[in-house]
Amino acid sequence: MFEKLRRFFGMYAPSDAVRVAMYRKAGIRIGRVAEFGSNIWIDINFKNFVTIGDNVILAGYNHILSHSFLMAGIKDEGFQPVVIEKGARIGSDVMILPGVTIGENSVIGAGAVVAKDIPPNCVAVGIPAKPIKYFEKSSEETQETLTPISKLYVKCKTCGEEFWSAIRCNKKQFKDLELLGNHHPCPICGHNDRYNKEDYYFLA
């Protein structure tokens, strides 16, 4: 009951920070994602079966399944974990089926159905999703190319919840920012703390 209510707010809350917080409370392991769109349906029937890494982008209207009765008797009774590794980009309307791992820094095109593992550093599209292009750059270079702009995170000084601020920049811009006395309300406890540059976490 409570998990389904949390999933409802995880799908439809107006703030992506609140959506992430609700899914975490429902048992989904979510890192410091870069974007978490609305209308994302995640299977909550089996806790800790879905893991989403740092700096992942989920564009919205995604379905992530960790079990399927249609697969019963074929793949361990249809119950399999899903892992989205750090830096992956998931386009709109993508469906991810049980037992899938999406590799680090990979991009899944809009409307794809991911039925098998996707290797790191590639672009995958289609039904079922298949790699059509691989990045030749190193993981660090690819990450910088894919996310020249990212969000800064802070930790609430009252409840300890990590959430992102409205500030967006890249590494070079961050060096030039003063970031003195910026106020950010915590999406969980509502406390409106003041943050300076040393309080931010940069993900890019």
N, C-alpha and C. Protein backbone atom coordinates (compact mmCIF):
# COMPACT_ATOMS: atom_id res chain seq x y z
N MET A 1 0.83 -1.20 0.00
CA MET A 1 0.00 0.00 0.00
C MET A 1 0.87 1.26 0.00
N PHE A 2 1.77 1.38 1.01
CA PHE A 2 2.61 2.57 1.10
C PHE A 2 3.59 2.63 -0.07
N GLU A 3 4.11 1.46 -0.49
CA GLU A 3 5.03 1.45 -1.62
C GLU A 3 4.35 1.95 -2.88
N LYS A 4 3.09 1.53 -3.10
CA LYS A 4 2.37 1.98 -4.30
C LYS A 4 2.08 3.48 -4.23
N LEU A 5 1.82 3.98 -3.04
CA LEU A 5 1.61 5.42 -2.88
C LEU A 5 2.91 6.17 -3.17
N ARG A 6 4.02 5.62 -2.69
CA ARG A 6 5.31 6.25 -2.96
C ARG A 6 5.62 6.23 -4.44
N ARG A 7 5.25 5.11 -5.11
CA ARG A 7 5.48 5.06 -6.56
C ARG A 7 4.62 6.11 -7.27
N PHE A 8 3.41 6.32 -6.78
CA PHE A 8 2.56 7.35 -7.39
C PHE A 8 3.25 8.71 -7.35
N PHE A 9 3.78 9.09 -6.17
CA PHE A 9 4.48 10.36 -6.06
C PHE A 9 5.82 10.30 -6.81
N GLY A 10 6.43 9.11 -6.87
CA GLY A 10 7.65 8.95 -7.64
C GLY A 10 7.44 9.17 -9.12
N MET A 11 6.21 8.94 -9.59
CA MET A 11 5.89 9.15 -11.00
C MET A 11 5.43 10.59 -11.30
N TYR A 12 4.63 11.15 -10.39
CA TYR A 12 3.90 12.36 -10.74
C TYR A 12 4.24 13.60 -9.92
N ALA A 13 5.11 13.51 -8.93
CA ALA A 13 5.46 14.70 -8.15
C ALA A 13 6.06 15.76 -9.07
N PRO A 14 5.79 17.06 -8.81
CA PRO A 14 6.27 18.11 -9.71
C PRO A 14 7.78 18.32 -9.70
N SER A 15 8.46 17.82 -8.68
CA SER A 15 9.91 17.98 -8.58
C SER A 15 10.60 16.64 -8.78
N ASP A 16 11.64 16.62 -9.63
CA ASP A 16 12.35 15.36 -9.83
C ASP A 16 13.11 14.93 -8.58
N ALA A 17 13.49 15.88 -7.72
CA ALA A 17 14.14 15.52 -6.46
C ALA A 17 13.18 14.75 -5.56
N VAL A 18 11.92 15.17 -5.53
CA VAL A 18 10.91 14.45 -4.73
C VAL A 18 10.63 13.09 -5.35
N ARG A 19 10.57 13.02 -6.68
CA ARG A 19 10.33 11.73 -7.34
C ARG A 19 11.42 10.73 -6.97
N VAL A 20 12.67 11.16 -6.99
CA VAL A 20 13.77 10.28 -6.61
C VAL A 20 13.64 9.85 -5.16
N ALA A 21 13.35 10.80 -4.28
CA ALA A 21 13.24 10.50 -2.85
C ALA A 21 12.14 9.47 -2.59
N MET A 22 11.01 9.59 -3.28
CA MET A 22 9.90 8.66 -3.09
C MET A 22 10.26 7.25 -3.54
N TYR A 23 10.95 7.14 -4.66
CA TYR A 23 11.37 5.82 -5.14
C TYR A 23 12.42 5.21 -4.21
N ARG A 24 13.28 6.03 -3.66
CA ARG A 24 14.26 5.50 -2.70
C ARG A 24 13.54 4.92 -1.48
N LYS A 25 12.52 5.62 -1.02
CA LYS A 25 11.76 5.13 0.13
C LYS A 25 10.99 3.85 -0.21
N ALA A 26 10.70 3.66 -1.49
CA ALA A 26 10.00 2.44 -1.92
C ALA A 26 10.96 1.27 -2.12
N GLY A 27 12.27 1.51 -1.91
CA GLY A 27 13.24 0.43 -1.98
C GLY A 27 14.08 0.38 -3.23
N ILE A 28 13.95 1.37 -4.12
CA ILE A 28 14.76 1.41 -5.33
C ILE A 28 16.09 2.08 -5.02
N ARG A 29 17.18 1.45 -5.46
CA ARG A 29 18.51 2.00 -5.22
C ARG A 29 18.85 3.00 -6.32
N ILE A 30 18.89 4.28 -5.97
CA ILE A 30 19.12 5.34 -6.94
C ILE A 30 20.29 6.20 -6.46
N GLY A 31 21.27 6.38 -7.33
CA GLY A 31 22.41 7.23 -7.00
C GLY A 31 22.08 8.70 -7.23
N ARG A 32 23.09 9.49 -7.42
CA ARG A 32 22.91 10.93 -7.67
C ARG A 32 22.65 11.12 -9.16
N VAL A 33 21.43 10.89 -9.57
CA VAL A 33 21.09 10.97 -10.99
C VAL A 33 21.16 12.41 -11.48
N ALA A 34 21.41 12.56 -12.80
CA ALA A 34 21.48 13.90 -13.39
C ALA A 34 20.09 14.41 -13.74
N GLU A 35 19.22 13.53 -14.23
CA GLU A 35 17.84 13.88 -14.56
C GLU A 35 16.94 12.69 -14.23
N PHE A 36 15.76 12.98 -13.70
CA PHE A 36 14.78 11.93 -13.40
C PHE A 36 13.41 12.48 -13.79
N GLY A 37 12.98 12.16 -15.01
CA GLY A 37 11.77 12.74 -15.56
C GLY A 37 10.50 12.23 -14.89
N SER A 38 9.38 12.75 -15.33
CA SER A 38 8.09 12.33 -14.77
C SER A 38 7.57 11.09 -15.49
N ASN A 39 6.56 10.47 -14.91
CA ASN A 39 5.91 9.29 -15.48
C ASN A 39 6.89 8.12 -15.68
N ILE A 40 7.80 7.96 -14.73
CA ILE A 40 8.71 6.81 -14.76
C ILE A 40 8.14 5.73 -13.84
N TRP A 41 7.77 4.60 -14.43
CA TRP A 41 7.18 3.48 -13.69
C TRP A 41 8.28 2.47 -13.41
N ILE A 42 8.57 2.24 -12.12
CA ILE A 42 9.61 1.29 -11.72
C ILE A 42 8.97 0.17 -10.90
N ASP A 43 9.34 -1.05 -11.21
CA ASP A 43 8.83 -2.23 -10.50
C ASP A 43 9.28 -2.19 -9.05
N ILE A 44 8.33 -2.18 -8.12
CA ILE A 44 8.67 -2.12 -6.69
C ILE A 44 8.27 -3.39 -5.96
N ASN A 45 7.89 -4.43 -6.72
CA ASN A 45 7.46 -5.68 -6.08
C ASN A 45 8.60 -6.40 -5.38
N PHE A 46 9.83 -6.20 -5.87
CA PHE A 46 11.00 -6.86 -5.27
C PHE A 46 12.02 -5.78 -4.94
N LYS A 47 12.17 -5.49 -3.66
CA LYS A 47 13.05 -4.42 -3.21
C LYS A 47 14.50 -4.73 -3.59
N ASN A 48 15.22 -3.70 -3.90
CA ASN A 48 16.64 -3.77 -4.26
C ASN A 48 16.89 -4.53 -5.56
N PHE A 49 15.83 -4.75 -6.37
CA PHE A 49 16.02 -5.42 -7.65
C PHE A 49 16.34 -4.42 -8.77
N VAL A 50 16.20 -3.13 -8.50
CA VAL A 50 16.51 -2.11 -9.49
C VAL A 50 17.57 -1.18 -8.92
N THR A 51 18.66 -1.02 -9.67
CA THR A 51 19.76 -0.15 -9.25
C THR A 51 20.04 0.86 -10.36
N ILE A 52 20.03 2.14 -10.01
CA ILE A 52 20.28 3.22 -10.96
C ILE A 52 21.48 4.00 -10.46
N GLY A 53 22.53 4.07 -11.26
CA GLY A 53 23.79 4.65 -10.83
C GLY A 53 23.84 6.17 -10.89
N ASP A 54 24.98 6.71 -10.50
CA ASP A 54 25.20 8.16 -10.50
C ASP A 54 25.16 8.72 -11.92
N ASN A 55 24.70 9.96 -12.00
CA ASN A 55 24.74 10.75 -13.24
C ASN A 55 23.94 10.14 -14.38
N VAL A 56 23.00 9.28 -14.06
CA VAL A 56 22.11 8.70 -15.07
C VAL A 56 21.04 9.71 -15.44
N ILE A 57 20.62 9.71 -16.71
CA ILE A 57 19.49 10.50 -17.16
C ILE A 57 18.36 9.55 -17.56
N LEU A 58 17.19 9.74 -16.96
CA LEU A 58 15.97 9.07 -17.38
C LEU A 58 15.03 10.16 -17.88
N ALA A 59 14.77 10.16 -19.18
CA ALA A 59 14.06 11.28 -19.78
C ALA A 59 12.61 11.38 -19.36
N GLY A 60 11.99 10.25 -19.02
CA GLY A 60 10.59 10.25 -18.62
C GLY A 60 9.77 9.26 -19.43
N TYR A 61 8.62 8.89 -18.90
CA TYR A 61 7.73 7.91 -19.54
C TYR A 61 8.45 6.58 -19.78
N ASN A 62 9.31 6.22 -18.83
CA ASN A 62 10.05 4.96 -18.92
C ASN A 62 9.38 3.89 -18.08
N HIS A 63 9.55 2.64 -18.48
CA HIS A 63 9.10 1.49 -17.69
C HIS A 63 10.31 0.62 -17.39
N ILE A 64 10.51 0.31 -16.10
CA ILE A 64 11.62 -0.55 -15.69
C ILE A 64 11.02 -1.73 -14.94
N LEU A 65 11.13 -2.92 -15.51
CA LEU A 65 10.53 -4.12 -14.95
C LEU A 65 11.60 -5.04 -14.39
N SER A 66 11.38 -5.54 -13.17
CA SER A 66 12.30 -6.53 -12.60
C SER A 66 11.64 -7.91 -12.49
N HIS A 67 10.39 -8.03 -12.94
CA HIS A 67 9.76 -9.35 -12.99
C HIS A 67 8.72 -9.36 -14.09
N SER A 68 8.47 -10.53 -14.63
CA SER A 68 7.47 -10.70 -15.67
C SER A 68 6.96 -12.13 -15.64
N PHE A 69 5.68 -12.30 -15.41
CA PHE A 69 5.12 -13.65 -15.38
C PHE A 69 5.13 -14.29 -16.77
N LEU A 70 5.23 -13.47 -17.81
CA LEU A 70 5.34 -14.03 -19.16
C LEU A 70 6.65 -14.77 -19.35
N MET A 71 7.65 -14.42 -18.53
CA MET A 71 8.97 -15.05 -18.64
C MET A 71 9.14 -16.20 -17.65
N ALA A 72 8.10 -16.49 -16.87
CA ALA A 72 8.19 -17.55 -15.86
C ALA A 72 8.56 -18.87 -16.51
N GLY A 73 9.51 -19.58 -15.90
CA GLY A 73 9.96 -20.85 -16.42
C GLY A 73 11.03 -20.73 -17.48
N ILE A 74 11.27 -19.48 -17.93
CA ILE A 74 12.27 -19.25 -18.98
C ILE A 74 13.53 -18.65 -18.39
N LYS A 75 13.34 -17.72 -17.48
CA LYS A 75 14.48 -16.99 -16.91
C LYS A 75 14.28 -16.87 -15.41
N ASP A 76 14.60 -17.94 -14.67
CA ASP A 76 14.47 -17.94 -13.21
C ASP A 76 13.11 -17.43 -12.75
N GLU A 77 12.08 -17.99 -13.36
CA GLU A 77 10.70 -17.64 -13.00
C GLU A 77 10.37 -16.17 -13.27
N GLY A 78 11.17 -15.54 -14.11
CA GLY A 78 10.85 -14.18 -14.52
C GLY A 78 11.29 -13.09 -13.57
N PHE A 79 11.96 -13.43 -12.46
CA PHE A 79 12.40 -12.43 -11.49
C PHE A 79 13.89 -12.17 -11.67
N GLN A 80 14.24 -11.00 -12.16
CA GLN A 80 15.64 -10.68 -12.43
C GLN A 80 15.92 -9.21 -12.14
N PRO A 81 17.08 -8.88 -11.55
CA PRO A 81 17.40 -7.48 -11.27
C PRO A 81 17.72 -6.69 -12.53
N VAL A 82 17.57 -5.39 -12.43
CA VAL A 82 17.92 -4.46 -13.50
C VAL A 82 18.97 -3.50 -12.97
N VAL A 83 20.01 -3.28 -13.74
CA VAL A 83 21.08 -2.35 -13.35
C VAL A 83 21.30 -1.35 -14.47
N ILE A 84 21.22 -0.07 -14.13
CA ILE A 84 21.57 1.00 -15.06
C ILE A 84 22.83 1.66 -14.52
N GLU A 85 23.94 1.43 -15.18
CA GLU A 85 25.23 1.87 -14.66
C GLU A 85 25.42 3.38 -14.85
N LYS A 86 26.39 3.92 -14.13
CA LYS A 86 26.58 5.37 -14.07
C LYS A 86 26.79 5.99 -15.46
N GLY A 87 26.22 7.16 -15.62
CA GLY A 87 26.40 7.91 -16.85
C GLY A 87 25.51 7.48 -18.00
N ALA A 88 24.66 6.46 -17.82
CA ALA A 88 23.80 6.01 -18.92
C ALA A 88 22.71 7.05 -19.18
N ARG A 89 22.27 7.13 -20.44
CA ARG A 89 21.21 8.06 -20.84
C ARG A 89 20.06 7.26 -21.42
N ILE A 90 18.90 7.37 -20.81
CA ILE A 90 17.74 6.60 -21.23
C ILE A 90 16.72 7.55 -21.83
N GLY A 91 16.41 7.38 -23.11
CA GLY A 91 15.49 8.27 -23.80
C GLY A 91 14.04 8.07 -23.38
N SER A 92 13.17 8.93 -23.86
CA SER A 92 11.75 8.87 -23.52
C SER A 92 11.10 7.60 -24.06
N ASP A 93 10.14 7.08 -23.30
CA ASP A 93 9.34 5.91 -23.71
C ASP A 93 10.16 4.63 -23.85
N VAL A 94 11.28 4.54 -23.20
CA VAL A 94 12.09 3.31 -23.23
C VAL A 94 11.54 2.32 -22.20
N MET A 95 11.44 1.06 -22.59
CA MET A 95 11.06 -0.01 -21.66
C MET A 95 12.26 -0.91 -21.43
N ILE A 96 12.55 -1.17 -20.14
CA ILE A 96 13.69 -2.01 -19.77
C ILE A 96 13.14 -3.27 -19.11
N LEU A 97 13.45 -4.43 -19.67
CA LEU A 97 12.89 -5.70 -19.21
C LEU A 97 13.76 -6.33 -18.12
N PRO A 98 13.24 -7.32 -17.40
CA PRO A 98 13.98 -7.95 -16.30
C PRO A 98 15.32 -8.55 -16.75
N GLY A 99 16.30 -8.48 -15.84
CA GLY A 99 17.59 -9.12 -16.08
C GLY A 99 18.55 -8.34 -16.93
N VAL A 100 18.25 -7.08 -17.20
CA VAL A 100 19.07 -6.27 -18.11
C VAL A 100 20.06 -5.41 -17.34
N THR A 101 21.27 -5.31 -17.87
CA THR A 101 22.26 -4.34 -17.39
C THR A 101 22.59 -3.40 -18.54
N ILE A 102 22.44 -2.10 -18.30
CA ILE A 102 22.80 -1.09 -19.29
C ILE A 102 24.14 -0.52 -18.88
N GLY A 103 25.12 -0.65 -19.75
CA GLY A 103 26.50 -0.32 -19.42
C GLY A 103 26.76 1.16 -19.22
N GLU A 104 27.87 1.43 -18.59
CA GLU A 104 28.29 2.79 -18.25
C GLU A 104 28.37 3.67 -19.49
N ASN A 105 27.79 4.86 -19.40
CA ASN A 105 27.83 5.91 -20.43
C ASN A 105 27.07 5.57 -21.71
N SER A 106 26.32 4.48 -21.73
CA SER A 106 25.58 4.13 -22.94
C SER A 106 24.33 4.98 -23.08
N VAL A 107 23.88 5.12 -24.31
CA VAL A 107 22.70 5.93 -24.64
C VAL A 107 21.65 5.01 -25.26
N ILE A 108 20.43 5.04 -24.73
CA ILE A 108 19.33 4.24 -25.26
C ILE A 108 18.35 5.19 -25.95
N GLY A 109 18.14 4.98 -27.24
CA GLY A 109 17.28 5.86 -28.02
C GLY A 109 15.82 5.77 -27.61
N ALA A 110 15.09 6.85 -27.84
CA ALA A 110 13.68 6.93 -27.46
C ALA A 110 12.87 5.81 -28.10
N GLY A 111 11.94 5.24 -27.30
CA GLY A 111 11.05 4.21 -27.80
C GLY A 111 11.62 2.81 -27.86
N ALA A 112 12.85 2.63 -27.41
CA ALA A 112 13.49 1.31 -27.48
C ALA A 112 12.94 0.37 -26.42
N VAL A 113 13.04 -0.92 -26.69
CA VAL A 113 12.74 -1.96 -25.70
C VAL A 113 14.03 -2.71 -25.45
N VAL A 114 14.54 -2.61 -24.22
CA VAL A 114 15.83 -3.22 -23.88
C VAL A 114 15.57 -4.59 -23.28
N ALA A 115 15.84 -5.63 -24.06
CA ALA A 115 15.58 -7.01 -23.63
C ALA A 115 16.85 -7.76 -23.27
N LYS A 116 18.02 -7.24 -23.70
CA LYS A 116 19.29 -7.87 -23.40
C LYS A 116 20.28 -6.82 -22.92
N ASP A 117 21.37 -7.28 -22.30
CA ASP A 117 22.39 -6.36 -21.79
C ASP A 117 22.92 -5.46 -22.90
N ILE A 118 23.18 -4.22 -22.54
CA ILE A 118 23.77 -3.24 -23.45
C ILE A 118 25.18 -2.93 -22.95
N PRO A 119 26.19 -3.08 -23.80
CA PRO A 119 27.57 -2.84 -23.34
C PRO A 119 27.84 -1.37 -23.05
N PRO A 120 28.93 -1.07 -22.36
CA PRO A 120 29.26 0.33 -22.05
C PRO A 120 29.61 1.12 -23.31
N ASN A 121 29.47 2.45 -23.21
CA ASN A 121 29.96 3.39 -24.22
C ASN A 121 29.43 3.13 -25.62
N CYS A 122 28.11 2.99 -25.73
CA CYS A 122 27.53 2.79 -27.05
C CYS A 122 26.17 3.48 -27.14
N VAL A 123 25.65 3.56 -28.36
CA VAL A 123 24.29 4.02 -28.60
C VAL A 123 23.49 2.81 -29.06
N ALA A 124 22.36 2.55 -28.40
CA ALA A 124 21.51 1.42 -28.75
C ALA A 124 20.10 1.90 -29.06
N VAL A 125 19.49 1.39 -30.11
CA VAL A 125 18.14 1.79 -30.51
C VAL A 125 17.38 0.56 -30.98
N GLY A 126 16.06 0.72 -31.07
CA GLY A 126 15.23 -0.29 -31.71
C GLY A 126 14.51 -1.21 -30.76
N ILE A 127 13.74 -2.14 -31.35
CA ILE A 127 12.96 -3.14 -30.62
C ILE A 127 13.30 -4.51 -31.21
N PRO A 128 14.08 -5.32 -30.51
CA PRO A 128 14.78 -5.01 -29.25
C PRO A 128 15.98 -4.10 -29.49
N ALA A 129 16.40 -3.41 -28.45
CA ALA A 129 17.50 -2.45 -28.58
C ALA A 129 18.81 -3.16 -28.91
N LYS A 130 19.52 -2.63 -29.89
CA LYS A 130 20.83 -3.17 -30.29
C LYS A 130 21.80 -2.01 -30.50
N PRO A 131 23.08 -2.21 -30.15
CA PRO A 131 24.07 -1.14 -30.35
C PRO A 131 24.25 -0.83 -31.84
N ILE A 132 24.28 0.44 -32.16
CA ILE A 132 24.53 0.86 -33.54
C ILE A 132 25.80 1.70 -33.66
N LYS A 133 26.33 2.12 -32.51
CA LYS A 133 27.52 2.97 -32.53
C LYS A 133 28.25 2.84 -31.21
N TYR A 134 29.57 2.85 -31.26
CA TYR A 134 30.39 2.80 -30.04
C TYR A 134 31.23 4.05 -29.95
N PHE A 135 31.42 4.53 -28.71
CA PHE A 135 32.27 5.68 -28.48
C PHE A 135 33.72 5.23 -28.44
N GLU A 136 34.56 5.90 -29.19
CA GLU A 136 35.97 5.54 -29.22
C GLU A 136 36.76 6.22 -28.12
N LYS A 137 36.18 7.25 -27.51
CA LYS A 137 36.88 7.98 -26.46
C LYS A 137 36.89 7.17 -25.18
N SER A 138 37.76 7.55 -24.27
CA SER A 138 37.80 6.92 -22.96
C SER A 138 36.52 7.24 -22.21
N SER A 139 36.27 6.51 -21.14
CA SER A 139 35.05 6.71 -20.35
C SER A 139 34.96 8.13 -19.83
N GLU A 140 36.08 8.67 -19.35
CA GLU A 140 36.07 10.02 -18.79
C GLU A 140 35.80 11.06 -19.86
N GLU A 141 36.41 10.89 -21.06
CA GLU A 141 36.20 11.83 -22.15
C GLU A 141 34.77 11.76 -22.66
N THR A 142 34.24 10.53 -22.74
CA THR A 142 32.87 10.36 -23.19
C THR A 142 31.90 11.03 -22.23
N GLN A 143 32.15 10.86 -20.94
CA GLN A 143 31.28 11.47 -19.93
C GLN A 143 31.27 12.98 -20.07
N GLU A 144 32.43 13.57 -20.32
CA GLU A 144 32.53 15.02 -20.46
C GLU A 144 31.79 15.48 -21.72
N THR A 145 31.87 14.68 -22.81
CA THR A 145 31.20 15.04 -24.05
C THR A 145 29.69 14.95 -23.90
N LEU A 146 29.22 13.89 -23.24
CA LEU A 146 27.79 13.68 -23.10
C LEU A 146 27.15 14.63 -22.10
N THR A 147 27.90 15.05 -21.10
CA THR A 147 27.32 15.89 -20.06
C THR A 147 28.17 17.14 -19.84
N PRO A 148 28.24 18.02 -20.84
CA PRO A 148 28.98 19.26 -20.63
C PRO A 148 28.31 20.15 -19.58
N ILE A 149 27.01 19.94 -19.41
CA ILE A 149 26.27 20.67 -18.39
C ILE A 149 25.69 19.67 -17.40
N SER A 150 25.87 19.91 -16.13
CA SER A 150 25.32 19.00 -15.13
C SER A 150 24.82 19.81 -13.95
N LYS A 151 24.24 19.11 -12.99
CA LYS A 151 23.68 19.77 -11.81
C LYS A 151 24.63 19.66 -10.63
N LEU A 152 24.52 20.61 -9.74
CA LEU A 152 25.27 20.58 -8.50
C LEU A 152 24.37 20.05 -7.39
N TYR A 153 24.94 19.23 -6.53
CA TYR A 153 24.19 18.65 -5.42
C TYR A 153 24.63 19.29 -4.11
N VAL A 154 23.70 19.29 -3.16
CA VAL A 154 24.01 19.69 -1.80
C VAL A 154 23.36 18.70 -0.84
N LYS A 155 23.81 18.70 0.39
CA LYS A 155 23.22 17.85 1.42
C LYS A 155 22.52 18.73 2.43
N CYS A 156 21.24 18.44 2.69
CA CYS A 156 20.46 19.24 3.64
C CYS A 156 21.15 19.22 5.00
N LYS A 157 21.33 20.40 5.57
CA LYS A 157 22.03 20.51 6.85
C LYS A 157 21.14 20.12 8.03
N THR A 158 19.85 19.90 7.76
CA THR A 158 18.92 19.51 8.82
C THR A 158 18.66 18.01 8.83
N CYS A 159 18.24 17.46 7.67
CA CYS A 159 17.87 16.03 7.63
C CYS A 159 18.90 15.16 6.92
N GLY A 160 19.89 15.78 6.24
CA GLY A 160 20.94 15.00 5.58
C GLY A 160 20.58 14.49 4.20
N GLU A 161 19.39 14.80 3.69
CA GLU A 161 18.99 14.35 2.36
C GLU A 161 19.80 15.07 1.29
N GLU A 162 20.32 14.30 0.31
CA GLU A 162 21.04 14.89 -0.80
C GLU A 162 20.05 15.25 -1.90
N PHE A 163 20.18 16.45 -2.47
CA PHE A 163 19.31 16.87 -3.56
C PHE A 163 20.07 17.85 -4.43
N TRP A 164 19.58 18.02 -5.66
CA TRP A 164 20.27 18.92 -6.57
C TRP A 164 19.72 20.32 -6.49
N SER A 165 20.58 21.27 -6.80
CA SER A 165 20.18 22.67 -6.81
C SER A 165 19.73 23.03 -8.22
N ALA A 166 19.31 24.27 -8.40
CA ALA A 166 18.90 24.74 -9.72
C ALA A 166 20.09 25.21 -10.54
N ILE A 167 21.28 25.17 -9.97
CA ILE A 167 22.48 25.67 -10.65
C ILE A 167 23.00 24.61 -11.61
N ARG A 168 23.23 24.99 -12.86
CA ARG A 168 23.78 24.09 -13.86
C ARG A 168 25.04 24.71 -14.44
N CYS A 169 26.09 23.92 -14.59
CA CYS A 169 27.34 24.43 -15.11
C CYS A 169 28.22 23.25 -15.52
N ASN A 170 29.34 23.53 -16.15
CA ASN A 170 30.32 22.48 -16.40
C ASN A 170 31.55 22.73 -15.53
N LYS A 171 32.55 21.88 -15.67
CA LYS A 171 33.71 21.96 -14.78
C LYS A 171 34.43 23.31 -14.86
N LYS A 172 34.57 23.81 -16.08
CA LYS A 172 35.27 25.08 -16.25
C LYS A 172 34.47 26.23 -15.63
N GLN A 173 33.16 26.22 -15.85
CA GLN A 173 32.32 27.28 -15.28
C GLN A 173 32.31 27.22 -13.75
N PHE A 174 32.35 25.99 -13.21
CA PHE A 174 32.30 25.82 -11.77
C PHE A 174 33.48 26.52 -11.08
N LYS A 175 34.64 26.49 -11.73
CA LYS A 175 35.82 27.12 -11.15
C LYS A 175 35.63 28.64 -11.01
N ASP A 176 34.83 29.22 -11.89
CA ASP A 176 34.64 30.67 -11.89
C ASP A 176 33.47 31.14 -11.03
N LEU A 177 32.62 30.19 -10.59
CA LEU A 177 31.46 30.57 -9.80
C LEU A 177 31.85 30.89 -8.36
N GLU A 178 31.24 31.93 -7.80
CA GLU A 178 31.51 32.26 -6.40
C GLU A 178 30.62 31.44 -5.47
N LEU A 179 29.35 31.29 -5.81
CA LEU A 179 28.41 30.47 -5.03
C LEU A 179 28.44 30.84 -3.55
N LEU A 180 28.15 32.07 -3.27
CA LEU A 180 28.14 32.55 -1.89
C LEU A 180 26.71 32.76 -1.42
N GLY A 181 26.32 32.05 -0.38
CA GLY A 181 25.04 32.27 0.26
C GLY A 181 23.82 31.91 -0.56
N ASN A 182 23.89 30.86 -1.39
CA ASN A 182 22.72 30.43 -2.16
C ASN A 182 21.78 29.63 -1.27
N HIS A 183 20.50 29.97 -1.30
CA HIS A 183 19.50 29.25 -0.51
C HIS A 183 18.82 28.18 -1.37
N HIS A 184 18.67 26.97 -0.81
CA HIS A 184 17.98 25.89 -1.49
C HIS A 184 17.07 25.19 -0.49
N PRO A 185 15.75 25.17 -0.73
CA PRO A 185 14.84 24.44 0.17
C PRO A 185 14.96 22.94 -0.03
N CYS A 186 15.06 22.19 1.04
CA CYS A 186 15.14 20.73 0.95
C CYS A 186 13.77 20.19 0.53
N PRO A 187 13.70 19.30 -0.48
CA PRO A 187 12.41 18.78 -0.93
C PRO A 187 11.77 17.81 0.07
N ILE A 188 12.53 17.36 1.07
CA ILE A 188 12.00 16.40 2.04
C ILE A 188 11.52 17.09 3.31
N CYS A 189 12.41 17.84 3.96
CA CYS A 189 12.01 18.48 5.23
C CYS A 189 11.63 19.95 5.07
N GLY A 190 11.93 20.53 3.89
CA GLY A 190 11.53 21.91 3.62
C GLY A 190 12.47 22.96 4.20
N HIS A 191 13.53 22.54 4.91
CA HIS A 191 14.43 23.51 5.52
C HIS A 191 15.18 24.28 4.43
N ASN A 192 15.19 25.60 4.54
CA ASN A 192 15.78 26.46 3.52
C ASN A 192 17.16 26.91 3.97
N ASP A 193 18.17 26.06 3.73
CA ASP A 193 19.53 26.37 4.19
C ASP A 193 20.27 27.25 3.19
N ARG A 194 21.36 27.81 3.66
CA ARG A 194 22.25 28.61 2.82
C ARG A 194 23.50 27.81 2.53
N TYR A 195 23.92 27.80 1.27
CA TYR A 195 25.06 26.97 0.86
C TYR A 195 26.11 27.82 0.16
N ASN A 196 27.36 27.52 0.49
CA ASN A 196 28.49 28.15 -0.16
C ASN A 196 29.19 27.12 -1.06
N LYS A 197 30.20 27.54 -1.76
CA LYS A 197 30.81 26.70 -2.78
C LYS A 197 31.30 25.36 -2.24
N GLU A 198 31.84 25.35 -1.04
CA GLU A 198 32.37 24.11 -0.48
C GLU A 198 31.29 23.10 -0.14
N ASP A 199 30.03 23.52 -0.15
CA ASP A 199 28.92 22.61 0.20
C ASP A 199 28.42 21.82 -1.00
N TYR A 200 28.84 22.16 -2.22
CA TYR A 200 28.28 21.53 -3.41
C TYR A 200 29.07 20.28 -3.82
N TYR A 201 28.32 19.35 -4.42
CA TYR A 201 28.92 18.19 -5.08
C TYR A 201 28.71 18.38 -6.58
N PHE A 202 29.76 18.20 -7.34
CA PHE A 202 29.62 18.39 -8.79
C PHE A 202 29.70 17.04 -9.49
N LEU A 203 28.71 16.75 -10.33
CA LEU A 203 28.67 15.49 -11.05
C LEU A 203 28.80 15.76 -12.54
N ALA A 204 29.97 15.57 -13.09
CA ALA A 204 30.18 15.69 -14.52
C ALA A 204 31.50 15.06 -14.89
